[in-house]
Amino acid sequence: NGIMRNRSQTNPRIDQVGTICYRFNKDKLEFLLVRTSDRLWIFPKGNIEENESLWRAAEREAFEEGGVSGEIETEPLTNFLHLKKGLKQEKIELNVAAFLLHVKSCRKPLENHREPTWFDPTEAEKALSEDRSFKYSEEFKRVIRLACGRINE
């Protein structure tokens, strides 16, 4: 039904998928971030449709929100916690499975308000930390660092 709830640590459910989209621009690593409805920066992410694999959902979200496609890993790089505003403006903590996607092509995203923008790793960490609490800021920094480690292997 698309409504998320908190879960206990003993049963970490996947609530959404996120896509860590990256490319090399003149040999420099860059990550794609998009805007949330609150104008914060985030990785393209969203809900998993019925009978959709996690990595396919991540691939679809990257295309819908970021206008990008490419080679996606079928196993998650990691999971991260994300605080989202619920229907009644309450805050809901989501467990997001994050997939690496090496971007091969870009076009205008299907969702107009997303403003897909490329950032180097340091800029991405800063952008993802803006107007977020320490806990979630640290989550995003951890994801960027893990991604850099995997990409540079």
N, C-alpha and C. Protein backbone atom coordinates (compact mmCIF):
# COMPACT_ATOMS: atom_id res chain seq x y z
N ASN A 1 0.81 -1.21 0.00
CA ASN A 1 0.00 0.00 0.00
C ASN A 1 0.85 1.27 0.00
N GLY A 2 2.16 1.12 0.05
CA GLY A 2 3.04 2.28 -0.07
C GLY A 2 3.26 3.05 1.22
N ILE A 3 2.54 2.71 2.30
CA ILE A 3 2.75 3.41 3.57
C ILE A 3 3.82 2.69 4.36
N MET A 4 4.80 3.43 4.83
CA MET A 4 5.94 2.82 5.51
C MET A 4 5.80 2.97 7.01
N ARG A 5 6.33 2.01 7.73
CA ARG A 5 6.40 2.15 9.19
C ARG A 5 7.79 1.75 9.65
N ASN A 6 8.09 2.19 10.84
CA ASN A 6 9.37 1.80 11.42
C ASN A 6 9.37 0.31 11.70
N ARG A 7 10.53 -0.29 11.69
CA ARG A 7 10.59 -1.71 12.02
C ARG A 7 11.70 -1.90 13.04
N SER A 8 11.65 -3.02 13.70
CA SER A 8 12.67 -3.30 14.72
C SER A 8 13.97 -3.70 14.05
N GLN A 9 15.05 -3.58 14.77
CA GLN A 9 16.36 -3.96 14.24
C GLN A 9 16.42 -5.45 13.93
N THR A 10 15.62 -6.25 14.65
CA THR A 10 15.66 -7.69 14.43
C THR A 10 14.99 -8.07 13.11
N ASN A 11 14.15 -7.20 12.58
CA ASN A 11 13.47 -7.49 11.31
C ASN A 11 13.60 -6.30 10.37
N PRO A 12 14.81 -6.06 9.84
CA PRO A 12 14.97 -4.90 8.97
C PRO A 12 14.34 -5.14 7.60
N ARG A 13 13.18 -4.57 7.39
CA ARG A 13 12.48 -4.68 6.12
C ARG A 13 13.04 -3.65 5.16
N ILE A 14 13.02 -3.95 3.89
CA ILE A 14 13.38 -2.96 2.88
C ILE A 14 12.12 -2.18 2.54
N ASP A 15 12.15 -0.87 2.78
CA ASP A 15 10.98 -0.03 2.50
C ASP A 15 11.03 0.56 1.10
N GLN A 16 12.22 0.93 0.66
CA GLN A 16 12.40 1.56 -0.64
C GLN A 16 13.75 1.15 -1.22
N VAL A 17 13.97 1.52 -2.47
CA VAL A 17 15.27 1.32 -3.10
C VAL A 17 15.81 2.68 -3.51
N GLY A 18 17.14 2.79 -3.49
CA GLY A 18 17.80 4.00 -3.94
C GLY A 18 18.86 3.63 -4.96
N THR A 19 19.21 4.58 -5.80
CA THR A 19 20.19 4.32 -6.85
C THR A 19 21.35 5.29 -6.72
N ILE A 20 22.53 4.73 -6.51
CA ILE A 20 23.74 5.54 -6.42
C ILE A 20 24.28 5.62 -7.85
N CYS A 21 23.88 6.68 -8.55
CA CYS A 21 24.23 6.85 -9.96
C CYS A 21 25.57 7.58 -10.05
N TYR A 22 26.49 7.02 -10.83
CA TYR A 22 27.80 7.65 -10.96
C TYR A 22 28.28 7.62 -12.40
N ARG A 23 29.21 8.50 -12.68
CA ARG A 23 29.86 8.56 -14.00
C ARG A 23 31.26 9.11 -13.80
N PHE A 24 32.06 8.99 -14.83
CA PHE A 24 33.37 9.64 -14.85
C PHE A 24 33.30 10.76 -15.87
N ASN A 25 33.62 11.97 -15.42
CA ASN A 25 33.63 13.14 -16.28
C ASN A 25 35.07 13.62 -16.33
N LYS A 26 35.72 13.45 -17.48
CA LYS A 26 37.16 13.76 -17.61
C LYS A 26 37.95 13.06 -16.50
N ASP A 27 37.69 11.78 -16.31
CA ASP A 27 38.38 10.94 -15.31
C ASP A 27 38.06 11.29 -13.86
N LYS A 28 37.11 12.20 -13.65
CA LYS A 28 36.72 12.55 -12.28
C LYS A 28 35.37 11.91 -11.96
N LEU A 29 35.30 11.24 -10.82
CA LEU A 29 34.09 10.58 -10.38
C LEU A 29 33.03 11.60 -9.97
N GLU A 30 31.80 11.38 -10.43
CA GLU A 30 30.68 12.25 -10.06
C GLU A 30 29.46 11.40 -9.71
N PHE A 31 28.64 11.92 -8.78
CA PHE A 31 27.40 11.27 -8.38
C PHE A 31 26.21 12.14 -8.74
N LEU A 32 25.13 11.51 -9.14
CA LEU A 32 23.90 12.22 -9.49
C LEU A 32 22.97 12.29 -8.29
N LEU A 33 22.55 13.50 -7.95
CA LEU A 33 21.56 13.70 -6.90
C LEU A 33 20.35 14.40 -7.48
N VAL A 34 19.21 14.18 -6.86
CA VAL A 34 17.96 14.82 -7.28
C VAL A 34 17.31 15.49 -6.07
N ARG A 35 16.35 16.36 -6.32
CA ARG A 35 15.66 17.09 -5.25
C ARG A 35 14.46 16.29 -4.73
N THR A 36 14.24 16.38 -3.42
CA THR A 36 13.02 15.84 -2.84
C THR A 36 11.93 16.92 -2.94
N SER A 37 10.71 16.59 -2.54
CA SER A 37 9.64 17.59 -2.55
C SER A 37 9.95 18.72 -1.57
N ASP A 38 10.78 18.44 -0.56
CA ASP A 38 11.20 19.47 0.41
C ASP A 38 12.43 20.23 -0.06
N ARG A 39 12.88 19.98 -1.30
CA ARG A 39 14.03 20.65 -1.91
C ARG A 39 15.37 20.20 -1.34
N LEU A 40 15.40 19.08 -0.64
CA LEU A 40 16.66 18.52 -0.18
C LEU A 40 17.26 17.68 -1.31
N TRP A 41 18.58 17.46 -1.27
CA TRP A 41 19.23 16.58 -2.24
C TRP A 41 19.15 15.15 -1.74
N ILE A 42 18.98 14.22 -2.67
CA ILE A 42 18.86 12.79 -2.33
C ILE A 42 19.28 11.98 -3.56
N PHE A 43 19.61 10.73 -3.32
CA PHE A 43 19.81 9.80 -4.45
C PHE A 43 18.43 9.52 -5.04
N PRO A 44 18.34 9.26 -6.35
CA PRO A 44 17.04 8.82 -6.87
C PRO A 44 16.59 7.60 -6.07
N LYS A 45 15.34 7.61 -5.61
CA LYS A 45 14.86 6.48 -4.81
C LYS A 45 13.35 6.45 -4.84
N GLY A 46 12.81 5.32 -4.44
CA GLY A 46 11.35 5.22 -4.41
C GLY A 46 10.88 3.83 -4.04
N ASN A 47 9.60 3.62 -4.25
CA ASN A 47 8.95 2.38 -3.84
C ASN A 47 9.19 1.26 -4.84
N ILE A 48 9.02 0.06 -4.35
CA ILE A 48 9.16 -1.15 -5.15
C ILE A 48 7.75 -1.56 -5.58
N GLU A 49 7.57 -1.75 -6.87
CA GLU A 49 6.26 -2.17 -7.36
C GLU A 49 6.07 -3.67 -7.14
N GLU A 50 4.82 -4.09 -7.14
CA GLU A 50 4.52 -5.50 -6.92
C GLU A 50 5.24 -6.37 -7.96
N ASN A 51 5.82 -7.46 -7.51
CA ASN A 51 6.55 -8.41 -8.38
C ASN A 51 7.75 -7.79 -9.09
N GLU A 52 8.28 -6.68 -8.57
CA GLU A 52 9.45 -6.05 -9.17
C GLU A 52 10.66 -6.37 -8.30
N SER A 53 11.77 -6.78 -8.93
CA SER A 53 12.98 -7.04 -8.15
C SER A 53 13.52 -5.71 -7.64
N LEU A 54 14.28 -5.76 -6.55
CA LEU A 54 14.82 -4.54 -5.95
C LEU A 54 15.68 -3.76 -6.94
N TRP A 55 16.57 -4.46 -7.64
CA TRP A 55 17.48 -3.76 -8.56
C TRP A 55 16.72 -3.16 -9.75
N ARG A 56 15.66 -3.84 -10.21
CA ARG A 56 14.85 -3.28 -11.32
C ARG A 56 14.13 -2.01 -10.86
N ALA A 57 13.64 -2.02 -9.61
CA ALA A 57 12.98 -0.84 -9.05
C ALA A 57 13.98 0.31 -8.98
N ALA A 58 15.21 0.02 -8.55
CA ALA A 58 16.26 1.05 -8.45
C ALA A 58 16.58 1.61 -9.84
N GLU A 59 16.65 0.73 -10.82
CA GLU A 59 16.92 1.14 -12.20
C GLU A 59 15.80 2.05 -12.72
N ARG A 60 14.56 1.69 -12.42
CA ARG A 60 13.39 2.49 -12.84
C ARG A 60 13.40 3.86 -12.17
N GLU A 61 13.67 3.90 -10.87
CA GLU A 61 13.69 5.17 -10.15
C GLU A 61 14.77 6.10 -10.71
N ALA A 62 15.94 5.55 -11.04
CA ALA A 62 17.03 6.36 -11.61
C ALA A 62 16.56 7.00 -12.91
N PHE A 63 15.80 6.25 -13.70
CA PHE A 63 15.32 6.76 -14.98
C PHE A 63 14.21 7.80 -14.77
N GLU A 64 13.25 7.48 -13.89
CA GLU A 64 12.12 8.39 -13.67
C GLU A 64 12.56 9.71 -13.04
N GLU A 65 13.41 9.63 -12.02
CA GLU A 65 13.79 10.83 -11.26
C GLU A 65 15.04 11.52 -11.80
N GLY A 66 15.98 10.73 -12.32
CA GLY A 66 17.24 11.30 -12.78
C GLY A 66 17.42 11.34 -14.28
N GLY A 67 16.56 10.63 -15.01
CA GLY A 67 16.69 10.58 -16.47
C GLY A 67 17.90 9.80 -16.94
N VAL A 68 18.42 8.92 -16.07
CA VAL A 68 19.64 8.19 -16.42
C VAL A 68 19.39 6.69 -16.53
N SER A 69 20.22 6.06 -17.35
CA SER A 69 20.24 4.60 -17.43
C SER A 69 21.67 4.15 -17.64
N GLY A 70 21.91 2.88 -17.40
CA GLY A 70 23.26 2.36 -17.53
C GLY A 70 23.36 0.96 -16.98
N GLU A 71 24.53 0.62 -16.47
CA GLU A 71 24.77 -0.72 -15.92
C GLU A 71 24.55 -0.70 -14.42
N ILE A 72 23.56 -1.48 -13.94
CA ILE A 72 23.25 -1.50 -12.52
C ILE A 72 23.73 -2.82 -11.91
N GLU A 73 24.21 -2.74 -10.67
CA GLU A 73 24.57 -3.96 -9.95
C GLU A 73 23.28 -4.57 -9.40
N THR A 74 23.18 -5.89 -9.43
CA THR A 74 21.94 -6.54 -9.02
C THR A 74 21.90 -6.86 -7.53
N GLU A 75 23.04 -6.67 -6.84
CA GLU A 75 23.08 -6.82 -5.38
C GLU A 75 23.27 -5.43 -4.78
N PRO A 76 22.58 -5.13 -3.66
CA PRO A 76 22.74 -3.79 -3.06
C PRO A 76 24.17 -3.55 -2.57
N LEU A 77 24.63 -2.33 -2.73
CA LEU A 77 25.92 -1.89 -2.18
C LEU A 77 25.81 -1.87 -0.65
N THR A 78 24.68 -1.36 -0.16
CA THR A 78 24.43 -1.21 1.27
C THR A 78 22.96 -0.85 1.45
N ASN A 79 22.55 -0.69 2.70
CA ASN A 79 21.25 -0.11 3.03
C ASN A 79 21.53 1.18 3.78
N PHE A 80 20.62 2.14 3.68
CA PHE A 80 20.77 3.35 4.49
C PHE A 80 19.41 3.76 5.04
N LEU A 81 19.46 4.49 6.15
CA LEU A 81 18.24 4.99 6.77
C LEU A 81 17.97 6.39 6.23
N HIS A 82 16.69 6.65 5.98
CA HIS A 82 16.27 7.93 5.42
C HIS A 82 15.00 8.37 6.12
N LEU A 83 14.94 9.64 6.48
CA LEU A 83 13.77 10.20 7.14
C LEU A 83 12.91 10.89 6.10
N LYS A 84 11.67 10.44 5.98
CA LYS A 84 10.76 10.97 4.97
C LYS A 84 9.53 11.52 5.67
N LYS A 85 8.96 12.54 5.06
CA LYS A 85 7.72 13.09 5.59
C LYS A 85 6.56 12.19 5.15
N GLY A 86 5.73 11.80 6.10
CA GLY A 86 4.57 10.96 5.78
C GLY A 86 3.39 11.79 5.32
N LEU A 87 2.27 11.12 5.09
CA LEU A 87 1.07 11.78 4.57
C LEU A 87 0.55 12.86 5.52
N LYS A 88 0.71 12.65 6.81
CA LYS A 88 0.22 13.63 7.79
C LYS A 88 1.37 14.47 8.34
N GLN A 89 2.42 14.65 7.53
CA GLN A 89 3.60 15.44 7.89
C GLN A 89 4.43 14.82 9.01
N GLU A 90 4.07 13.60 9.44
CA GLU A 90 4.90 12.94 10.46
C GLU A 90 6.17 12.42 9.78
N LYS A 91 7.20 12.22 10.57
CA LYS A 91 8.46 11.73 10.02
C LYS A 91 8.49 10.21 10.10
N ILE A 92 8.88 9.58 9.01
CA ILE A 92 8.94 8.13 8.94
C ILE A 92 10.36 7.73 8.56
N GLU A 93 10.95 6.82 9.31
CA GLU A 93 12.29 6.35 8.99
C GLU A 93 12.17 5.14 8.07
N LEU A 94 12.82 5.25 6.91
CA LEU A 94 12.78 4.18 5.91
C LEU A 94 14.13 3.48 5.84
N ASN A 95 14.08 2.18 5.57
CA ASN A 95 15.29 1.41 5.30
C ASN A 95 15.37 1.26 3.78
N VAL A 96 16.40 1.86 3.19
CA VAL A 96 16.53 1.93 1.73
C VAL A 96 17.70 1.05 1.27
N ALA A 97 17.42 0.13 0.35
CA ALA A 97 18.49 -0.68 -0.27
C ALA A 97 19.07 0.13 -1.42
N ALA A 98 20.41 0.33 -1.39
CA ALA A 98 21.07 1.20 -2.37
C ALA A 98 21.85 0.38 -3.39
N PHE A 99 21.61 0.67 -4.67
CA PHE A 99 22.24 -0.04 -5.77
C PHE A 99 23.12 0.92 -6.57
N LEU A 100 24.31 0.44 -6.95
CA LEU A 100 25.22 1.25 -7.78
C LEU A 100 24.80 1.14 -9.25
N LEU A 101 24.75 2.28 -9.92
CA LEU A 101 24.44 2.31 -11.34
C LEU A 101 25.47 3.16 -12.06
N HIS A 102 26.21 2.52 -12.98
CA HIS A 102 27.19 3.25 -13.79
C HIS A 102 26.42 3.86 -14.96
N VAL A 103 26.28 5.18 -14.96
CA VAL A 103 25.45 5.87 -15.95
C VAL A 103 26.11 5.85 -17.33
N LYS A 104 25.33 5.43 -18.31
CA LYS A 104 25.80 5.38 -19.70
C LYS A 104 25.04 6.39 -20.57
N SER A 105 23.81 6.75 -20.17
CA SER A 105 23.06 7.74 -20.95
C SER A 105 22.17 8.58 -20.04
N CYS A 106 21.99 9.84 -20.45
CA CYS A 106 21.19 10.81 -19.69
C CYS A 106 20.16 11.44 -20.63
N ARG A 107 18.98 11.68 -20.09
CA ARG A 107 17.95 12.43 -20.81
C ARG A 107 17.14 13.19 -19.79
N LYS A 108 16.16 13.94 -20.25
CA LYS A 108 15.31 14.70 -19.33
C LYS A 108 14.51 13.70 -18.48
N PRO A 109 14.51 13.88 -17.15
CA PRO A 109 13.76 12.94 -16.31
C PRO A 109 12.24 13.06 -16.50
N LEU A 110 11.53 12.01 -16.17
CA LEU A 110 10.08 12.01 -16.27
C LEU A 110 9.45 12.94 -15.23
N GLU A 111 10.14 13.11 -14.09
CA GLU A 111 9.63 13.97 -13.02
C GLU A 111 10.35 15.32 -13.08
N ASN A 112 9.60 16.36 -13.41
CA ASN A 112 10.19 17.69 -13.70
C ASN A 112 10.85 18.39 -12.54
N HIS A 113 10.36 18.22 -11.32
CA HIS A 113 10.84 19.00 -10.17
C HIS A 113 12.14 18.45 -9.57
N ARG A 114 12.73 17.41 -10.17
CA ARG A 114 13.86 16.72 -9.54
C ARG A 114 15.22 17.39 -9.69
N GLU A 115 15.39 18.21 -10.75
CA GLU A 115 16.66 18.92 -10.98
C GLU A 115 17.90 18.04 -10.85
N PRO A 116 18.01 16.96 -11.61
CA PRO A 116 19.19 16.10 -11.48
C PRO A 116 20.48 16.89 -11.70
N THR A 117 21.42 16.72 -10.77
CA THR A 117 22.66 17.49 -10.78
C THR A 117 23.82 16.57 -10.40
N TRP A 118 24.95 16.75 -11.08
CA TRP A 118 26.15 15.95 -10.81
C TRP A 118 27.03 16.65 -9.79
N PHE A 119 27.57 15.87 -8.86
CA PHE A 119 28.44 16.38 -7.80
C PHE A 119 29.67 15.48 -7.69
N ASP A 120 30.84 16.10 -7.38
CA ASP A 120 31.97 15.24 -7.04
C ASP A 120 31.70 14.66 -5.64
N PRO A 121 32.44 13.63 -5.21
CA PRO A 121 32.11 12.98 -3.94
C PRO A 121 32.02 13.92 -2.74
N THR A 122 32.95 14.88 -2.63
CA THR A 122 32.94 15.81 -1.50
C THR A 122 31.71 16.71 -1.56
N GLU A 123 31.42 17.24 -2.75
CA GLU A 123 30.23 18.09 -2.93
C GLU A 123 28.96 17.30 -2.65
N ALA A 124 28.94 16.03 -3.07
CA ALA A 124 27.75 15.18 -2.84
C ALA A 124 27.52 15.00 -1.35
N GLU A 125 28.59 14.75 -0.60
CA GLU A 125 28.46 14.61 0.86
C GLU A 125 27.89 15.89 1.48
N LYS A 126 28.39 17.04 1.03
CA LYS A 126 27.90 18.33 1.56
C LYS A 126 26.43 18.53 1.22
N ALA A 127 26.09 18.30 -0.06
CA ALA A 127 24.71 18.51 -0.50
C ALA A 127 23.74 17.60 0.25
N LEU A 128 24.13 16.34 0.46
CA LEU A 128 23.27 15.38 1.15
C LEU A 128 23.13 15.70 2.64
N SER A 129 24.07 16.48 3.19
CA SER A 129 24.04 16.83 4.62
C SER A 129 23.22 18.09 4.90
N GLU A 130 22.96 18.89 3.87
CA GLU A 130 22.24 20.16 4.06
C GLU A 130 20.87 19.92 4.70
N ASP A 131 20.60 20.66 5.79
CA ASP A 131 19.30 20.62 6.47
C ASP A 131 18.88 19.22 6.94
N ARG A 132 19.88 18.37 7.23
CA ARG A 132 19.58 17.05 7.77
C ARG A 132 20.27 16.90 9.11
N SER A 133 19.69 16.08 9.97
CA SER A 133 20.31 15.84 11.28
C SER A 133 21.60 15.06 11.09
N PHE A 134 22.44 15.07 12.11
CA PHE A 134 23.73 14.41 12.08
C PHE A 134 23.59 12.94 11.68
N LYS A 135 22.62 12.24 12.27
CA LYS A 135 22.43 10.81 12.01
C LYS A 135 22.26 10.52 10.51
N TYR A 136 21.38 11.26 9.85
CA TYR A 136 21.09 10.98 8.43
C TYR A 136 22.19 11.53 7.53
N SER A 137 22.79 12.63 7.94
CA SER A 137 23.93 13.18 7.22
C SER A 137 25.06 12.15 7.19
N GLU A 138 25.32 11.52 8.35
CA GLU A 138 26.37 10.50 8.43
C GLU A 138 26.02 9.26 7.60
N GLU A 139 24.75 8.90 7.54
CA GLU A 139 24.31 7.77 6.72
C GLU A 139 24.68 8.02 5.25
N PHE A 140 24.36 9.21 4.76
CA PHE A 140 24.64 9.52 3.35
C PHE A 140 26.14 9.58 3.07
N LYS A 141 26.90 10.13 4.00
CA LYS A 141 28.36 10.18 3.83
C LYS A 141 28.92 8.76 3.75
N ARG A 142 28.40 7.87 4.59
CA ARG A 142 28.85 6.48 4.60
C ARG A 142 28.57 5.83 3.23
N VAL A 143 27.40 6.11 2.66
CA VAL A 143 27.04 5.54 1.36
C VAL A 143 27.99 6.04 0.27
N ILE A 144 28.25 7.35 0.26
CA ILE A 144 29.16 7.93 -0.74
C ILE A 144 30.55 7.29 -0.62
N ARG A 145 31.03 7.15 0.61
CA ARG A 145 32.37 6.57 0.82
C ARG A 145 32.43 5.11 0.40
N LEU A 146 31.37 4.36 0.72
CA LEU A 146 31.31 2.95 0.28
C LEU A 146 31.30 2.87 -1.24
N ALA A 147 30.51 3.74 -1.87
CA ALA A 147 30.42 3.74 -3.33
C ALA A 147 31.78 4.06 -3.95
N CYS A 148 32.46 5.06 -3.40
CA CYS A 148 33.80 5.43 -3.92
C CYS A 148 34.74 4.23 -3.80
N GLY A 149 34.69 3.54 -2.67
CA GLY A 149 35.55 2.37 -2.48
C GLY A 149 35.26 1.28 -3.48
N ARG A 150 33.97 1.00 -3.71
CA ARG A 150 33.59 -0.04 -4.67
C ARG A 150 33.96 0.34 -6.10
N ILE A 151 33.68 1.58 -6.46
CA ILE A 151 33.94 2.05 -7.84
C ILE A 151 35.44 2.05 -8.13
N ASN A 152 36.24 2.41 -7.15
CA ASN A 152 37.68 2.51 -7.36
C ASN A 152 38.43 1.20 -7.12
N GLU A 153 37.69 0.10 -6.90
CA GLU A 153 38.35 -1.21 -6.67
C GLU A 153 39.14 -1.64 -7.89
